[in-house]
C-alpha cells in the first residue's frame, strides 16, 4: 500500500450501549401512548368541529 495516502481518522462516534431508564423516570408501554394519543385527537377534534345547520350535508 501507498504510505502517502490522504487518510483521515474517522469522526463517526461509536454508538454506546443503551442504558435502562432511571428509577424516577416514567415509562409507558407503546400501546398506552397510542391509546392516549387517539383519545387526545378525539377530544381536540370535538373542540375544532363546529356544527352548522346550513352547511350540513354539503
PDB file of N, CA and C in Angstrom:
ATOM      1  N   UNK A   1       0.825  -1.173   0.000  1.00  0.00           N
ATOM      2  CA  UNK A   1       0.000   0.000   0.000  1.00  0.00           C
ATOM      3  C   UNK A   1       0.873   1.242   0.000  1.00  0.00           C
ATOM      4  N   UNK A   2       0.273   2.303  -0.464  1.00  0.00           N
ATOM      5  CA  UNK A   2       0.994   3.559  -0.531  1.00  0.00           C
ATOM      6  C   UNK A   2       0.955   4.247   0.829  1.00  0.00           C
ATOM      7  N   UNK A   3       2.096   4.634   1.344  1.00  0.00           N
ATOM      8  CA  UNK A   3       2.189   5.262   2.662  1.00  0.00           C
ATOM      9  C   UNK A   3       1.721   6.710   2.641  1.00  0.00           C
ATOM     10  N   UNK A   4       1.647   7.344   1.469  1.00  0.00           N
ATOM     11  CA  UNK A   4       1.329   8.762   1.389  1.00  0.00           C
ATOM     12  C   UNK A   4      -0.134   9.016   1.031  1.00  0.00           C
ATOM     13  N   UNK A   5      -1.004   8.109   1.329  1.00  0.00           N
ATOM     14  CA  UNK A   5      -2.415   8.326   1.046  1.00  0.00           C
ATOM     15  C   UNK A   5      -2.987   9.329   2.041  1.00  0.00           C
ATOM     16  N   UNK A   6      -3.963  10.048   1.598  1.00  0.00           N
ATOM     17  CA  UNK A   6      -4.600  11.054   2.456  1.00  0.00           C
ATOM     18  C   UNK A   6      -5.748  10.418   3.235  1.00  0.00           C
ATOM     19  N   UNK A   7      -5.419   9.660   4.211  1.00  0.00           N
ATOM     20  CA  UNK A   7      -6.453   9.035   5.020  1.00  0.00           C
ATOM     21  C   UNK A   7      -6.620   9.820   6.313  1.00  0.00           C
ATOM     22  N   UNK A   8      -7.871  10.034   6.668  1.00  0.00           N
ATOM     23  CA  UNK A   8      -8.176  10.769   7.883  1.00  0.00           C
ATOM     24  C   UNK A   8      -8.788   9.813   8.892  1.00  0.00           C
ATOM     25  N   UNK A   9      -8.640  10.160  10.143  1.00  0.00           N
ATOM     26  CA  UNK A   9      -9.263   9.332  11.162  1.00  0.00           C
ATOM     27  C   UNK A   9     -10.769   9.565  11.125  1.00  0.00           C
ATOM     28  N   UNK A  10     -11.491   8.572  11.466  1.00  0.00           N
ATOM     29  CA  UNK A  10     -12.944   8.643  11.421  1.00  0.00           C
ATOM     30  C   UNK A  10     -13.471   9.574  12.505  1.00  0.00           C
ATOM     31  N   UNK A  11     -14.451  10.406  12.127  1.00  0.00           N
ATOM     32  CA  UNK A  11     -15.083  11.295  13.099  1.00  0.00           C
ATOM     33  C   UNK A  11     -16.431  10.744  13.543  1.00  0.00           C
ATOM     34  N   UNK A  12     -16.775   9.565  13.072  1.00  0.00           N
ATOM     35  CA  UNK A  12     -18.045   8.955  13.451  1.00  0.00           C
ATOM     36  C   UNK A  12     -17.908   8.379  14.852  1.00  0.00           C
ATOM     37  N   UNK A  13     -18.827   8.765  15.708  1.00  0.00           N
ATOM     38  CA  UNK A  13     -18.784   8.263  17.077  1.00  0.00           C
ATOM     39  C   UNK A  13     -19.384   6.869  17.128  1.00  0.00           C
ATOM     40  N   UNK A  14     -18.817   6.048  17.949  1.00  0.00           N
ATOM     41  CA  UNK A  14     -19.338   4.708  18.124  1.00  0.00           C
ATOM     42  C   UNK A  14     -20.599   4.776  18.960  1.00  0.00           C
ATOM     43  N   UNK A  15     -21.595   4.018  18.579  1.00  0.00           N
ATOM     44  CA  UNK A  15     -22.858   4.012  19.314  1.00  0.00           C
ATOM     45  C   UNK A  15     -22.654   3.305  20.650  1.00  0.00           C
ATOM     46  N   UNK A  16     -23.010   3.996  21.698  1.00  0.00           N
ATOM     47  CA  UNK A  16     -22.864   3.428  23.034  1.00  0.00           C
ATOM     48  C   UNK A  16     -24.032   2.484  23.315  1.00  0.00           C
ATOM     49  N   UNK A  17     -23.813   1.577  24.204  1.00  0.00           N
ATOM     50  CA  UNK A  17     -24.878   0.662  24.599  1.00  0.00           C
ATOM     51  C   UNK A  17     -25.985   1.439  25.290  1.00  0.00           C
ATOM     52  N   UNK A  18     -27.238   1.065  25.022  1.00  0.00           N
ATOM     53  CA  UNK A  18     -28.366   1.736  25.634  1.00  0.00           C
ATOM     54  C   UNK A  18     -28.451   1.451  27.116  1.00  0.00           C
ATOM     55  N   UNK A  19     -28.827   2.462  27.864  1.00  0.00           N
ATOM     56  CA  UNK A  19     -28.974   2.302  29.303  1.00  0.00           C
ATOM     57  C   UNK A  19     -30.454   2.184  29.630  1.00  0.00           C
ATOM     58  N   UNK A  20     -30.817   1.411  30.610  1.00  0.00           N
ATOM     59  CA  UNK A  20     -32.228   1.363  31.023  1.00  0.00           C
ATOM     60  C   UNK A  20     -32.626   2.700  31.636  1.00  0.00           C
ATOM     61  N   UNK A  21     -33.926   3.038  31.615  1.00  0.00           N
ATOM     62  CA  UNK A  21     -34.350   4.311  32.202  1.00  0.00           C
ATOM     63  C   UNK A  21     -34.068   4.360  33.701  1.00  0.00           C
ATOM     64  N   UNK A  22     -33.854   5.562  34.183  1.00  0.00           N
ATOM     65  CA  UNK A  22     -33.576   5.724  35.612  1.00  0.00           C
ATOM     66  C   UNK A  22     -34.829   5.428  36.419  1.00  0.00           C
ATOM     67  N   UNK A  23     -34.661   5.229  37.715  1.00  0.00           N
ATOM     68  CA  UNK A  23     -35.768   4.828  38.581  1.00  0.00           C
ATOM     69  C   UNK A  23     -36.874   5.877  38.639  1.00  0.00           C
ATOM     70  N   UNK A  24     -36.533   7.170  38.638  1.00  0.00           N
ATOM     71  CA  UNK A  24     -37.532   8.213  38.768  1.00  0.00           C
ATOM     72  C   UNK A  24     -38.114   8.643  37.419  1.00  0.00           C
ATOM     73  N   UNK A  25     -37.696   7.999  36.348  1.00  0.00           N
ATOM     74  CA  UNK A  25     -38.164   8.357  35.012  1.00  0.00           C
ATOM     75  C   UNK A  25     -39.385   7.508  34.656  1.00  0.00           C
ATOM     76  N   UNK A  26     -40.522   8.143  34.242  1.00  0.00           N
ATOM     77  CA  UNK A  26     -41.719   7.357  33.934  1.00  0.00           C
ATOM     78  C   UNK A  26     -41.547   6.555  32.640  1.00  0.00           C
ATOM     79  N   UNK A  27     -42.104   5.370  32.621  1.00  0.00           N
ATOM     80  CA  UNK A  27     -42.083   4.549  31.414  1.00  0.00           C
ATOM     81  C   UNK A  27     -43.510   4.136  31.091  1.00  0.00           C
ATOM     82  N   UNK A  28     -43.839   4.102  29.814  1.00  0.00           N
ATOM     83  CA  UNK A  28     -45.165   3.742  29.352  1.00  0.00           C
ATOM     84  C   UNK A  28     -45.035   2.733  28.225  1.00  0.00           C
ATOM     85  N   UNK A  29     -45.931   1.762  28.163  1.00  0.00           N
ATOM     86  CA  UNK A  29     -45.901   0.840  27.022  1.00  0.00           C
ATOM     87  C   UNK A  29     -46.353   1.562  25.758  1.00  0.00           C
ATOM     88  N   UNK A  30     -45.947   1.056  24.616  1.00  0.00           N
ATOM     89  CA  UNK A  30     -46.278   1.689  23.343  1.00  0.00           C
ATOM     90  C   UNK A  30     -47.778   1.772  23.141  1.00  0.00           C
ATOM     91  N   UNK A  31     -48.503   0.720  23.476  1.00  0.00           N
ATOM     92  CA  UNK A  31     -49.957   0.732  23.265  1.00  0.00           C
ATOM     93  C   UNK A  31     -50.617   1.791  24.133  1.00  0.00           C
ATOM     94  N   UNK A  32     -50.095   2.049  25.308  1.00  0.00           N
ATOM     95  CA  UNK A  32     -50.655   3.075  26.176  1.00  0.00           C
ATOM     96  C   UNK A  32     -50.488   4.468  25.595  1.00  0.00           C
ATOM     97  N   UNK A  33     -49.331   4.713  24.998  1.00  0.00           N
ATOM     98  CA  UNK A  33     -49.084   6.004  24.361  1.00  0.00           C
ATOM     99  C   UNK A  33     -50.012   6.182  23.165  1.00  0.00           C
ATOM    100  N   UNK A  34     -50.182   5.134  22.364  1.00  0.00           N
ATOM    101  CA  UNK A  34     -51.058   5.221  21.195  1.00  0.00           C
ATOM    102  C   UNK A  34     -52.504   5.473  21.599  1.00  0.00           C
ATOM    103  N   UNK A  35     -52.990   4.782  22.625  1.00  0.00           N
ATOM    104  CA  UNK A  35     -54.362   4.991  23.101  1.00  0.00           C
ATOM    105  C   UNK A  35     -54.520   6.424  23.602  1.00  0.00           C
ATOM    106  N   UNK A  36     -53.543   6.920  24.331  1.00  0.00           N
ATOM    107  CA  UNK A  36     -53.591   8.298  24.822  1.00  0.00           C
ATOM    108  C   UNK A  36     -53.622   9.313  23.697  1.00  0.00           C
ATOM    109  N   UNK A  37     -52.844   9.069  22.650  1.00  0.00           N
ATOM    110  CA  UNK A  37     -52.836   9.982  21.504  1.00  0.00           C
ATOM    111  C   UNK A  37     -54.164   9.964  20.757  1.00  0.00           C
ATOM    112  N   UNK A  38     -54.780   8.788  20.621  1.00  0.00           N
ATOM    113  CA  UNK A  38     -56.079   8.696  19.949  1.00  0.00           C
ATOM    114  C   UNK A  38     -57.133   9.441  20.754  1.00  0.00           C
ATOM    115  N   UNK A  39     -57.141   9.278  22.064  1.00  0.00           N
ATOM    116  CA  UNK A  39     -58.099   9.983  22.914  1.00  0.00           C
ATOM    117  C   UNK A  39     -57.879  11.493  22.822  1.00  0.00           C
ATOM    118  N   UNK A  40     -56.630  11.924  22.848  1.00  0.00           N
ATOM    119  CA  UNK A  40     -56.333  13.353  22.734  1.00  0.00           C
ATOM    120  C   UNK A  40     -56.788  13.890  21.378  1.00  0.00           C
ATOM    121  N   UNK A  41     -56.624  13.117  20.311  1.00  0.00           N
ATOM    122  CA  UNK A  41     -57.064  13.536  18.986  1.00  0.00           C
ATOM    123  C   UNK A  41     -58.579  13.696  18.940  1.00  0.00           C
ATOM    124  N   UNK A  42     -59.321  12.751  19.535  1.00  0.00           N
ATOM    125  CA  UNK A  42     -60.783  12.814  19.538  1.00  0.00           C
ATOM    126  C   UNK A  42     -61.259  14.037  20.314  1.00  0.00           C
ATOM    127  N   UNK A  43     -60.649  14.303  21.455  1.00  0.00           N
ATOM    128  CA  UNK A  43     -61.024  15.474  22.249  1.00  0.00           C
ATOM    129  C   UNK A  43     -60.722  16.758  21.478  1.00  0.00           C
ATOM    130  N   UNK A  44     -59.558  16.843  20.877  1.00  0.00           N
ATOM    131  CA  UNK A  44     -59.187  18.029  20.110  1.00  0.00           C
ATOM    132  C   UNK A  44     -60.119  18.231  18.923  1.00  0.00           C
ATOM    133  N   UNK A  45     -60.467  17.143  18.242  1.00  0.00           N
ATOM    134  CA  UNK A  45     -61.363  17.226  17.089  1.00  0.00           C
ATOM    135  C   UNK A  45     -62.743  17.709  17.517  1.00  0.00           C
ATOM    136  N   UNK A  46     -63.203  17.311  18.687  1.00  0.00           N
ATOM    137  CA  UNK A  46     -64.519  17.756  19.148  1.00  0.00           C
ATOM    138  C   UNK A  46     -64.528  19.258  19.422  1.00  0.00           C
ATOM    139  N   UNK A  47     -63.409  19.841  19.824  1.00  0.00           N
ATOM    140  CA  UNK A  47     -63.339  21.278  20.021  1.00  0.00           C
ATOM    141  C   UNK A  47     -63.252  22.032  18.700  1.00  0.00           C
ATOM    142  N   UNK A  48     -62.595  21.463  17.710  1.00  0.00           N
ATOM    143  CA  UNK A  48     -62.376  22.154  16.446  1.00  0.00           C
ATOM    144  C   UNK A  48     -63.634  22.118  15.574  1.00  0.00           C
ATOM    145  N   UNK A  49     -64.376  21.019  15.596  1.00  0.00           N
ATOM    146  CA  UNK A  49     -65.535  20.860  14.721  1.00  0.00           C
ATOM    147  C   UNK A  49     -66.699  21.696  15.241  1.00  0.00           C
ATOM    148  N   UNK A  50     -67.240  22.559  14.362  1.00  0.00           N
ATOM    149  CA  UNK A  50     -68.385  23.409  14.716  1.00  0.00           C
ATOM    150  C   UNK A  50     -69.550  22.989  13.845  1.00  0.00           C
ATOM    151  N   UNK A  51     -70.691  22.663  14.449  1.00  0.00           N
ATOM    152  CA  UNK A  51     -71.855  22.254  13.687  1.00  0.00           C
ATOM    153  C   UNK A  51     -72.502  23.478  13.058  1.00  0.00           C
ATOM    154  N   UNK A  52     -72.859  23.359  11.789  1.00  0.00           N
ATOM    155  CA  UNK A  52     -73.529  24.426  11.067  1.00  0.00           C
ATOM    156  C   UNK A  52     -74.662  23.803  10.280  1.00  0.00           C
ATOM    157  N   UNK A  53     -75.898  24.122  10.650  1.00  0.00           N
ATOM    158  CA  UNK A  53     -77.060  23.503  10.006  1.00  0.00           C
ATOM    159  C   UNK A  53     -77.155  23.875   8.524  1.00  0.00           C
ATOM    160  N   UNK A  54     -76.738  25.071   8.137  1.00  0.00           N
ATOM    161  CA  UNK A  54     -76.812  25.470   6.731  1.00  0.00           C
ATOM    162  C   UNK A  54     -75.892  24.632   5.851  1.00  0.00           C
ATOM    163  N   UNK A  55     -74.753  24.248   6.388  1.00  0.00           N
ATOM    164  CA  UNK A  55     -73.761  23.533   5.579  1.00  0.00           C
ATOM    165  C   UNK A  55     -73.763  22.038   5.833  1.00  0.00           C
ATOM    166  N   UNK A  56     -74.642  21.571   6.670  1.00  0.00           N
ATOM    167  CA  UNK A  56     -74.678  20.142   6.973  1.00  0.00           C
ATOM    168  C   UNK A  56     -75.070  19.352   5.735  1.00  0.00           C
ATOM    169  N   UNK A  57     -74.286  18.370   5.380  1.00  0.00           N
ATOM    170  CA  UNK A  57     -74.581  17.508   4.243  1.00  0.00           C
ATOM    171  C   UNK A  57     -74.083  18.024   2.922  1.00  0.00           C
ATOM    172  N   UNK A  58     -73.382  19.147   2.884  1.00  0.00           N
ATOM    173  CA  UNK A  58     -72.863  19.680   1.619  1.00  0.00           C
ATOM    174  C   UNK A  58     -71.425  19.298   1.436  1.00  0.00           C
TER     175      UNK A  58
END
